[in-house]
């Protein structure tokens, strides 16, 4: 009797083991199927990329993603995206879409891409002095000074200057719409500055440029955290 019980238990355990084995193999095959799903390499933003920024290769990396989930317009090689200009912010880890990139040549041709809604692009002629020694770059902010010569009571010529506009965004200098990233880039002179203004301010600027002379005051850009730290270190060393 005892032998029969042991045999029965052995048969039951064997059946259970067989069922568990087949379930395991089934799940293993399913996992193998998922693993074998075809993937494709796409370009991912390694860190934040800002709008109007020329994208350096250092901010890009390749990543394998399931082919079915990848949009056809995604950049497949770093060469496709490096050196291009982003038309919108690209967050860290986001696939880089080709329709959100333009070449510097295209950006130079289509200045309208940079003008915000409700504003206009207007250019005025400048000389070396008026343009802060040609040190103004695209995306800087400037104040505009209007100077007019008048006759005083003694019939002597006197200059009268007022701040015409404040904190105006610079869209371009000459035909350059992108600020240089390379500090060693060759210096290039220009004879015009293009500003982003409301229609009313555009008329005011054009009229003033005809009635007198225009000069620009360059606003300070907030330094990056790393630059601030370097400046502080230099100041402490000097003390």
C-alpha atoms as a PDB file:
ATOM      1  CA  UNK A   1       0.000   0.000   0.000  1.00  0.00           C
ATOM      2  CA  UNK A   2       2.780   2.357   0.954  1.00  0.00           C
ATOM      3  CA  UNK A   3       4.548   1.657  -2.348  1.00  0.00           C
ATOM      4  CA  UNK A   4       1.444   2.594  -4.309  1.00  0.00           C
ATOM      5  CA  UNK A   5       1.135   5.903  -2.456  1.00  0.00           C
ATOM      6  CA  UNK A   6       4.766   6.746  -3.158  1.00  0.00           C
ATOM      7  CA  UNK A   7       4.318   5.846  -6.818  1.00  0.00           C
ATOM      8  CA  UNK A   8       1.181   7.973  -7.086  1.00  0.00           C
ATOM      9  CA  UNK A   9       2.921  10.944  -5.502  1.00  0.00           C
ATOM     10  CA  UNK A  10       5.848  10.498  -7.857  1.00  0.00           C
ATOM     11  CA  UNK A  11       3.502  10.519 -10.846  1.00  0.00           C
ATOM     12  CA  UNK A  12       1.763  13.658  -9.585  1.00  0.00           C
ATOM     13  CA  UNK A  13       5.065  15.439  -8.969  1.00  0.00           C
ATOM     14  CA  UNK A  14       6.259  14.425 -12.404  1.00  0.00           C
ATOM     15  CA  UNK A  15       3.122  15.813 -13.998  1.00  0.00           C
ATOM     16  CA  UNK A  16       3.484  19.081 -12.102  1.00  0.00           C
ATOM     17  CA  UNK A  17       7.152  19.336 -13.103  1.00  0.00           C
ATOM     18  CA  UNK A  18       6.257  18.714 -16.748  1.00  0.00           C
ATOM     19  CA  UNK A  19       3.588  21.430 -16.722  1.00  0.00           C
ATOM     20  CA  UNK A  20       5.929  23.924 -15.055  1.00  0.00           C
ATOM     21  CA  UNK A  21       8.649  23.081 -17.560  1.00  0.00           C
ATOM     22  CA  UNK A  22       6.392  23.719 -20.547  1.00  0.00           C
ATOM     23  CA  UNK A  23       5.163  27.012 -19.023  1.00  0.00           C
ATOM     24  CA  UNK A  24       8.757  28.111 -18.503  1.00  0.00           C
ATOM     25  CA  UNK A  25       9.716  27.221 -22.073  1.00  0.00           C
ATOM     26  CA  UNK A  26       6.688  29.095 -23.367  1.00  0.00           C
ATOM     27  CA  UNK A  27       7.606  32.269 -21.461  1.00  0.00           C
ATOM     28  CA  UNK A  28      11.246  31.854 -22.516  1.00  0.00           C
ATOM     29  CA  UNK A  29      10.239  31.656 -26.178  1.00  0.00           C
ATOM     30  CA  UNK A  30       8.114  34.804 -25.749  1.00  0.00           C
ATOM     31  CA  UNK A  31      11.054  36.629 -24.177  1.00  0.00           C
ATOM     32  CA  UNK A  32      13.279  35.483 -27.036  1.00  0.00           C
ATOM     33  CA  UNK A  33      10.743  36.858 -29.508  1.00  0.00           C
ATOM     34  CA  UNK A  34      10.746  40.274 -27.792  1.00  0.00           C
ATOM     35  CA  UNK A  35      14.541  40.276 -27.621  1.00  0.00           C
ATOM     36  CA  UNK A  36      14.770  39.410 -31.280  1.00  0.00           C
ATOM     37  CA  UNK A  37      12.589  42.396 -32.269  1.00  0.00           C
ATOM     38  CA  UNK A  38      14.523  44.501 -34.770  1.00  0.00           C
ATOM     39  CA  UNK A  39      16.016  47.754 -33.517  1.00  0.00           C
ATOM     40  CA  UNK A  40      17.534  50.748 -35.273  1.00  0.00           C
ATOM     41  CA  UNK A  41      20.099  53.340 -34.256  1.00  0.00           C
ATOM     42  CA  UNK A  42      18.781  56.880 -33.827  1.00  0.00           C
ATOM     43  CA  UNK A  43      20.299  60.178 -32.724  1.00  0.00           C
ATOM     44  CA  UNK A  44      19.421  61.272 -29.171  1.00  0.00           C
ATOM     45  CA  UNK A  45      20.105  64.597 -27.455  1.00  0.00           C
ATOM     46  CA  UNK A  46      22.700  63.849 -24.788  1.00  0.00           C
ATOM     47  CA  UNK A  47      21.846  67.149 -23.085  1.00  0.00           C
ATOM     48  CA  UNK A  48      19.501  70.127 -23.529  1.00  0.00           C
ATOM     49  CA  UNK A  49      19.693  71.822 -26.935  1.00  0.00           C
ATOM     50  CA  UNK A  50      18.274  75.337 -27.128  1.00  0.00           C
ATOM     51  CA  UNK A  51      16.312  76.920 -29.948  1.00  0.00           C
ATOM     52  CA  UNK A  52      18.530  78.654 -32.551  1.00  0.00           C
ATOM     53  CA  UNK A  53      21.585  76.794 -31.234  1.00  0.00           C
ATOM     54  CA  UNK A  54      24.071  75.312 -33.663  1.00  0.00           C
ATOM     55  CA  UNK A  55      24.194  71.700 -32.483  1.00  0.00           C
ATOM     56  CA  UNK A  56      27.671  70.398 -31.553  1.00  0.00           C
ATOM     57  CA  UNK A  57      28.392  66.693 -31.986  1.00  0.00           C
ATOM     58  CA  UNK A  58      29.254  66.515 -28.271  1.00  0.00           C
ATOM     59  CA  UNK A  59      25.564  67.028 -27.405  1.00  0.00           C
ATOM     60  CA  UNK A  60      24.462  64.033 -29.473  1.00  0.00           C
ATOM     61  CA  UNK A  61      24.660  60.266 -29.019  1.00  0.00           C
ATOM     62  CA  UNK A  62      23.397  57.122 -30.715  1.00  0.00           C
ATOM     63  CA  UNK A  63      20.813  54.848 -29.120  1.00  0.00           C
ATOM     64  CA  UNK A  64      19.134  51.627 -30.259  1.00  0.00           C
ATOM     65  CA  UNK A  65      15.315  51.780 -30.264  1.00  0.00           C
ATOM     66  CA  UNK A  66      12.646  49.358 -31.524  1.00  0.00           C
ATOM     67  CA  UNK A  67      12.287  50.030 -35.227  1.00  0.00           C
ATOM     68  CA  UNK A  68       8.480  50.065 -35.046  1.00  0.00           C
ATOM     69  CA  UNK A  69       8.512  52.948 -32.535  1.00  0.00           C
ATOM     70  CA  UNK A  70      10.939  55.183 -34.468  1.00  0.00           C
ATOM     71  CA  UNK A  71       9.502  58.005 -36.586  1.00  0.00           C
ATOM     72  CA  UNK A  72      10.727  58.032 -40.158  1.00  0.00           C
ATOM     73  CA  UNK A  73      11.892  61.646 -39.742  1.00  0.00           C
ATOM     74  CA  UNK A  74      14.318  60.839 -36.917  1.00  0.00           C
ATOM     75  CA  UNK A  75      18.023  61.477 -37.552  1.00  0.00           C
ATOM     76  CA  UNK A  76      19.841  58.151 -38.021  1.00  0.00           C
ATOM     77  CA  UNK A  77      23.432  59.413 -37.920  1.00  0.00           C
ATOM     78  CA  UNK A  78      25.160  62.091 -35.868  1.00  0.00           C
ATOM     79  CA  UNK A  79      26.506  63.666 -39.072  1.00  0.00           C
ATOM     80  CA  UNK A  80      22.913  64.436 -40.111  1.00  0.00           C
ATOM     81  CA  UNK A  81      22.358  66.617 -37.017  1.00  0.00           C
ATOM     82  CA  UNK A  82      25.785  67.924 -35.989  1.00  0.00           C
ATOM     83  CA  UNK A  83      26.349  71.487 -37.167  1.00  0.00           C
ATOM     84  CA  UNK A  84      22.668  72.070 -37.910  1.00  0.00           C
ATOM     85  CA  UNK A  85      20.564  74.726 -36.164  1.00  0.00           C
ATOM     86  CA  UNK A  86      17.671  73.739 -33.901  1.00  0.00           C
ATOM     87  CA  UNK A  87      14.387  75.505 -34.680  1.00  0.00           C
ATOM     88  CA  UNK A  88      12.958  74.476 -31.275  1.00  0.00           C
ATOM     89  CA  UNK A  89      14.204  73.357 -27.873  1.00  0.00           C
ATOM     90  CA  UNK A  90      15.244  69.684 -27.722  1.00  0.00           C
ATOM     91  CA  UNK A  91      15.244  68.174 -24.243  1.00  0.00           C
ATOM     92  CA  UNK A  92      17.793  65.691 -22.923  1.00  0.00           C
ATOM     93  CA  UNK A  93      17.050  62.143 -24.092  1.00  0.00           C
ATOM     94  CA  UNK A  94      14.713  63.245 -26.893  1.00  0.00           C
ATOM     95  CA  UNK A  95      15.190  61.799 -30.401  1.00  0.00           C
ATOM     96  CA  UNK A  96      16.383  64.466 -32.841  1.00  0.00           C
ATOM     97  CA  UNK A  97      13.835  65.087 -35.610  1.00  0.00           C
ATOM     98  CA  UNK A  98      15.152  66.278 -38.955  1.00  0.00           C
ATOM     99  CA  UNK A  99      12.224  68.637 -39.575  1.00  0.00           C
ATOM    100  CA  UNK A 100      13.294  70.607 -36.481  1.00  0.00           C
ATOM    101  CA  UNK A 101      16.745  71.299 -37.925  1.00  0.00           C
ATOM    102  CA  UNK A 102      17.912  73.786 -40.540  1.00  0.00           C
ATOM    103  CA  UNK A 103      21.304  74.499 -42.020  1.00  0.00           C
ATOM    104  CA  UNK A 104      23.042  77.789 -41.359  1.00  0.00           C
ATOM    105  CA  UNK A 105      22.555  78.657 -45.040  1.00  0.00           C
ATOM    106  CA  UNK A 106      18.791  78.147 -44.761  1.00  0.00           C
ATOM    107  CA  UNK A 107      18.625  80.133 -41.533  1.00  0.00           C
ATOM    108  CA  UNK A 108      20.491  82.989 -43.181  1.00  0.00           C
ATOM    109  CA  UNK A 109      18.057  83.063 -46.072  1.00  0.00           C
ATOM    110  CA  UNK A 110      14.902  82.807 -43.987  1.00  0.00           C
ATOM    111  CA  UNK A 111      15.248  85.549 -41.374  1.00  0.00           C
ATOM    112  CA  UNK A 112      11.478  85.351 -40.920  1.00  0.00           C
ATOM    113  CA  UNK A 113      11.997  82.110 -38.958  1.00  0.00           C
ATOM    114  CA  UNK A 114      13.447  84.135 -36.104  1.00  0.00           C
ATOM    115  CA  UNK A 115      10.877  86.928 -35.920  1.00  0.00           C
ATOM    116  CA  UNK A 116       8.300  86.387 -33.183  1.00  0.00           C
ATOM    117  CA  UNK A 117       4.613  86.901 -33.775  1.00  0.00           C
ATOM    118  CA  UNK A 118       3.593  90.565 -33.585  1.00  0.00           C
ATOM    119  CA  UNK A 119       7.098  91.848 -34.339  1.00  0.00           C
ATOM    120  CA  UNK A 120       8.938  92.967 -37.461  1.00  0.00           C
ATOM    121  CA  UNK A 121      12.537  92.801 -38.669  1.00  0.00           C
ATOM    122  CA  UNK A 122      13.982  96.204 -39.532  1.00  0.00           C
ATOM    123  CA  UNK A 123      17.557  97.060 -40.499  1.00  0.00           C
ATOM    124  CA  UNK A 124      19.494 100.278 -40.073  1.00  0.00           C
ATOM    125  CA  UNK A 125      22.883 101.214 -41.442  1.00  0.00           C
ATOM    126  CA  UNK A 126      25.724 101.537 -38.933  1.00  0.00           C
ATOM    127  CA  UNK A 127      29.386 102.357 -38.990  1.00  0.00           C
ATOM    128  CA  UNK A 128      32.187 100.945 -36.851  1.00  0.00           C
ATOM    129  CA  UNK A 129      31.535 103.289 -33.918  1.00  0.00           C
ATOM    130  CA  UNK A 130      27.745 103.121 -33.974  1.00  0.00           C
ATOM    131  CA  UNK A 131      27.849  99.313 -33.776  1.00  0.00           C
ATOM    132  CA  UNK A 132      30.108  99.191 -30.677  1.00  0.00           C
ATOM    133  CA  UNK A 133      33.136  98.468 -32.846  1.00  0.00           C
ATOM    134  CA  UNK A 134      31.261  95.686 -34.686  1.00  0.00           C
ATOM    135  CA  UNK A 135      31.078  93.717 -31.419  1.00  0.00           C
ATOM    136  CA  UNK A 136      27.297  93.293 -31.481  1.00  0.00           C
ATOM    137  CA  UNK A 137      26.240  89.732 -32.296  1.00  0.00           C
ATOM    138  CA  UNK A 138      22.884  88.088 -33.124  1.00  0.00           C
ATOM    139  CA  UNK A 139      20.662  87.502 -30.064  1.00  0.00           C
ATOM    140  CA  UNK A 140      22.322  90.351 -28.131  1.00  0.00           C
ATOM    141  CA  UNK A 141      20.127  93.009 -26.550  1.00  0.00           C
ATOM    142  CA  UNK A 142      20.848  96.669 -27.198  1.00  0.00           C
ATOM    143  CA  UNK A 143      19.577 100.122 -26.309  1.00  0.00           C
ATOM    144  CA  UNK A 144      19.185 102.557 -29.205  1.00  0.00           C
ATOM    145  CA  UNK A 145      20.366 106.158 -28.762  1.00  0.00           C
ATOM    146  CA  UNK A 146      19.077 108.846 -31.096  1.00  0.00           C
ATOM    147  CA  UNK A 147      21.190 111.978 -31.553  1.00  0.00           C
ATOM    148  CA  UNK A 148      20.050 115.114 -33.362  1.00  0.00           C
ATOM    149  CA  UNK A 149      21.978 118.288 -34.019  1.00  0.00           C
ATOM    150  CA  UNK A 150      20.183 121.534 -33.132  1.00  0.00           C
ATOM    151  CA  UNK A 151      20.966 125.239 -33.208  1.00  0.00           C
ATOM    152  CA  UNK A 152      20.993 126.956 -29.818  1.00  0.00           C
ATOM    153  CA  UNK A 153      20.195 130.592 -29.037  1.00  0.00           C
ATOM    154  CA  UNK A 154      23.684 131.627 -30.109  1.00  0.00           C
ATOM    155  CA  UNK A 155      23.180 129.857 -33.416  1.00  0.00           C
ATOM    156  CA  UNK A 156      25.772 127.304 -32.415  1.00  0.00           C
ATOM    157  CA  UNK A 157      25.282 123.631 -33.186  1.00  0.00           C
ATOM    158  CA  UNK A 158      24.593 121.433 -30.170  1.00  0.00           C
ATOM    159  CA  UNK A 159      23.879 117.733 -30.011  1.00  0.00           C
ATOM    160  CA  UNK A 160      20.821 116.404 -28.219  1.00  0.00           C
ATOM    161  CA  UNK A 161      20.659 112.664 -27.435  1.00  0.00           C
ATOM    162  CA  UNK A 162      17.883 110.504 -26.010  1.00  0.00           C
ATOM    163  CA  UNK A 163      17.427 106.795 -25.440  1.00  0.00           C
ATOM    164  CA  UNK A 164      14.992 105.929 -28.215  1.00  0.00           C
ATOM    165  CA  UNK A 165      14.490 102.197 -27.502  1.00  0.00           C
ATOM    166  CA  UNK A 166      15.569  99.837 -24.736  1.00  0.00           C
ATOM    167  CA  UNK A 167      16.405  96.127 -24.547  1.00  0.00           C
ATOM    168  CA  UNK A 168      15.910  95.447 -28.239  1.00  0.00           C
ATOM    169  CA  UNK A 169      16.674  91.977 -29.588  1.00  0.00           C
ATOM    170  CA  UNK A 170      19.263  91.799 -32.374  1.00  0.00           C
ATOM    171  CA  UNK A 171      18.216  89.396 -35.138  1.00  0.00           C
ATOM    172  CA  UNK A 172      21.237  89.788 -37.379  1.00  0.00           C
ATOM    173  CA  UNK A 173      24.377  91.786 -38.045  1.00  0.00           C
ATOM    174  CA  UNK A 174      25.063  92.165 -41.737  1.00  0.00           C
ATOM    175  CA  UNK A 175      23.855  88.814 -43.145  1.00  0.00           C
ATOM    176  CA  UNK A 176      24.902  86.846 -40.085  1.00  0.00           C
ATOM    177  CA  UNK A 177      21.984  85.477 -38.054  1.00  0.00           C
ATOM    178  CA  UNK A 178      23.908  83.081 -35.845  1.00  0.00           C
ATOM    179  CA  UNK A 179      26.283  84.118 -33.076  1.00  0.00           C
ATOM    180  CA  UNK A 180      29.716  82.481 -33.473  1.00  0.00           C
ATOM    181  CA  UNK A 181      30.496  79.647 -31.051  1.00  0.00           C
ATOM    182  CA  UNK A 182      34.160  79.521 -31.935  1.00  0.00           C
ATOM    183  CA  UNK A 183      35.979  82.352 -30.140  1.00  0.00           C
ATOM    184  CA  UNK A 184      38.746  82.131 -32.730  1.00  0.00           C
ATOM    185  CA  UNK A 185      36.353  82.631 -35.650  1.00  0.00           C
ATOM    186  CA  UNK A 186      37.651  85.188 -38.122  1.00  0.00           C
ATOM    187  CA  UNK A 187      36.459  88.721 -37.453  1.00  0.00           C
ATOM    188  CA  UNK A 188      33.964  90.038 -40.000  1.00  0.00           C
ATOM    189  CA  UNK A 189      32.892  93.661 -40.354  1.00  0.00           C
ATOM    190  CA  UNK A 190      29.308  94.623 -41.112  1.00  0.00           C
ATOM    191  CA  UNK A 191      27.469  97.819 -42.006  1.00  0.00           C
ATOM    192  CA  UNK A 192      23.907  97.054 -40.866  1.00  0.00           C
ATOM    193  CA  UNK A 193      22.105  95.736 -37.815  1.00  0.00           C
ATOM    194  CA  UNK A 194      18.680  94.062 -37.991  1.00  0.00           C
ATOM    195  CA  UNK A 195      16.440  94.475 -34.950  1.00  0.00           C
ATOM    196  CA  UNK A 196      13.185  92.852 -33.864  1.00  0.00           C
ATOM    197  CA  UNK A 197      10.648  95.616 -33.170  1.00  0.00           C
ATOM    198  CA  UNK A 198       6.941  96.239 -33.016  1.00  0.00           C
ATOM    199  CA  UNK A 199       5.538  97.988 -36.134  1.00  0.00           C
ATOM    200  CA  UNK A 200       5.292 101.285 -34.216  1.00  0.00           C
ATOM    201  CA  UNK A 201       8.884 101.137 -32.969  1.00  0.00           C
ATOM    202  CA  UNK A 202      10.038 100.169 -36.464  1.00  0.00           C
ATOM    203  CA  UNK A 203       8.637 103.419 -37.844  1.00  0.00           C
ATOM    204  CA  UNK A 204      10.167 105.368 -34.957  1.00  0.00           C
ATOM    205  CA  UNK A 205      13.604 103.863 -35.645  1.00  0.00           C
ATOM    206  CA  UNK A 206      13.497 104.515 -39.396  1.00  0.00           C
ATOM    207  CA  UNK A 207      12.365 108.117 -38.927  1.00  0.00           C
ATOM    208  CA  UNK A 208      15.061 108.764 -36.335  1.00  0.00           C
ATOM    209  CA  UNK A 209      17.774 107.279 -38.550  1.00  0.00           C
ATOM    210  CA  UNK A 210      16.776 109.810 -41.238  1.00  0.00           C
ATOM    211  CA  UNK A 211      16.531 112.801 -38.905  1.00  0.00           C
ATOM    212  CA  UNK A 212      19.769 112.223 -37.019  1.00  0.00           C
ATOM    213  CA  UNK A 213      22.229 109.488 -36.076  1.00  0.00           C
ATOM    214  CA  UNK A 214      21.716 106.168 -34.309  1.00  0.00           C
ATOM    215  CA  UNK A 215      24.088 104.549 -31.824  1.00  0.00           C
ATOM    216  CA  UNK A 216      23.759 101.269 -29.950  1.00  0.00           C
ATOM    217  CA  UNK A 217      24.530 100.461 -26.338  1.00  0.00           C
ATOM    218  CA  UNK A 218      25.295  96.788 -25.827  1.00  0.00           C
ATOM    219  CA  UNK A 219      23.495  95.106 -22.929  1.00  0.00           C
ATOM    220  CA  UNK A 220      25.339  92.589 -20.759  1.00  0.00           C
ATOM    221  CA  UNK A 221      24.396  88.953 -21.245  1.00  0.00           C
ATOM    222  CA  UNK A 222      23.970  86.946 -18.019  1.00  0.00           C
ATOM    223  CA  UNK A 223      27.111  84.780 -17.795  1.00  0.00           C
ATOM    224  CA  UNK A 224      26.855  81.012 -17.528  1.00  0.00           C
ATOM    225  CA  UNK A 225      27.386  79.475 -14.089  1.00  0.00           C
ATOM    226  CA  UNK A 226      30.783  78.150 -15.089  1.00  0.00           C
ATOM    227  CA  UNK A 227      31.842  81.563 -16.382  1.00  0.00           C
ATOM    228  CA  UNK A 228      30.628  83.203 -13.182  1.00  0.00           C
ATOM    229  CA  UNK A 229      32.663  80.780 -11.106  1.00  0.00           C
ATOM    230  CA  UNK A 230      35.756  81.486 -13.205  1.00  0.00           C
ATOM    231  CA  UNK A 231      35.267  85.241 -12.804  1.00  0.00           C
ATOM    232  CA  UNK A 232      34.910  84.860  -9.029  1.00  0.00           C
ATOM    233  CA  UNK A 233      38.074  82.758  -8.883  1.00  0.00           C
ATOM    234  CA  UNK A 234      39.969  85.356 -10.872  1.00  0.00           C
ATOM    235  CA  UNK A 235      38.704  88.145  -8.581  1.00  0.00           C
ATOM    236  CA  UNK A 236      39.681  86.212  -5.455  1.00  0.00           C
ATOM    237  CA  UNK A 237      43.120  85.518  -6.916  1.00  0.00           C
ATOM    238  CA  UNK A 238      43.568  89.199  -7.692  1.00  0.00           C
ATOM    239  CA  UNK A 239      42.735  90.083  -4.076  1.00  0.00           C
END
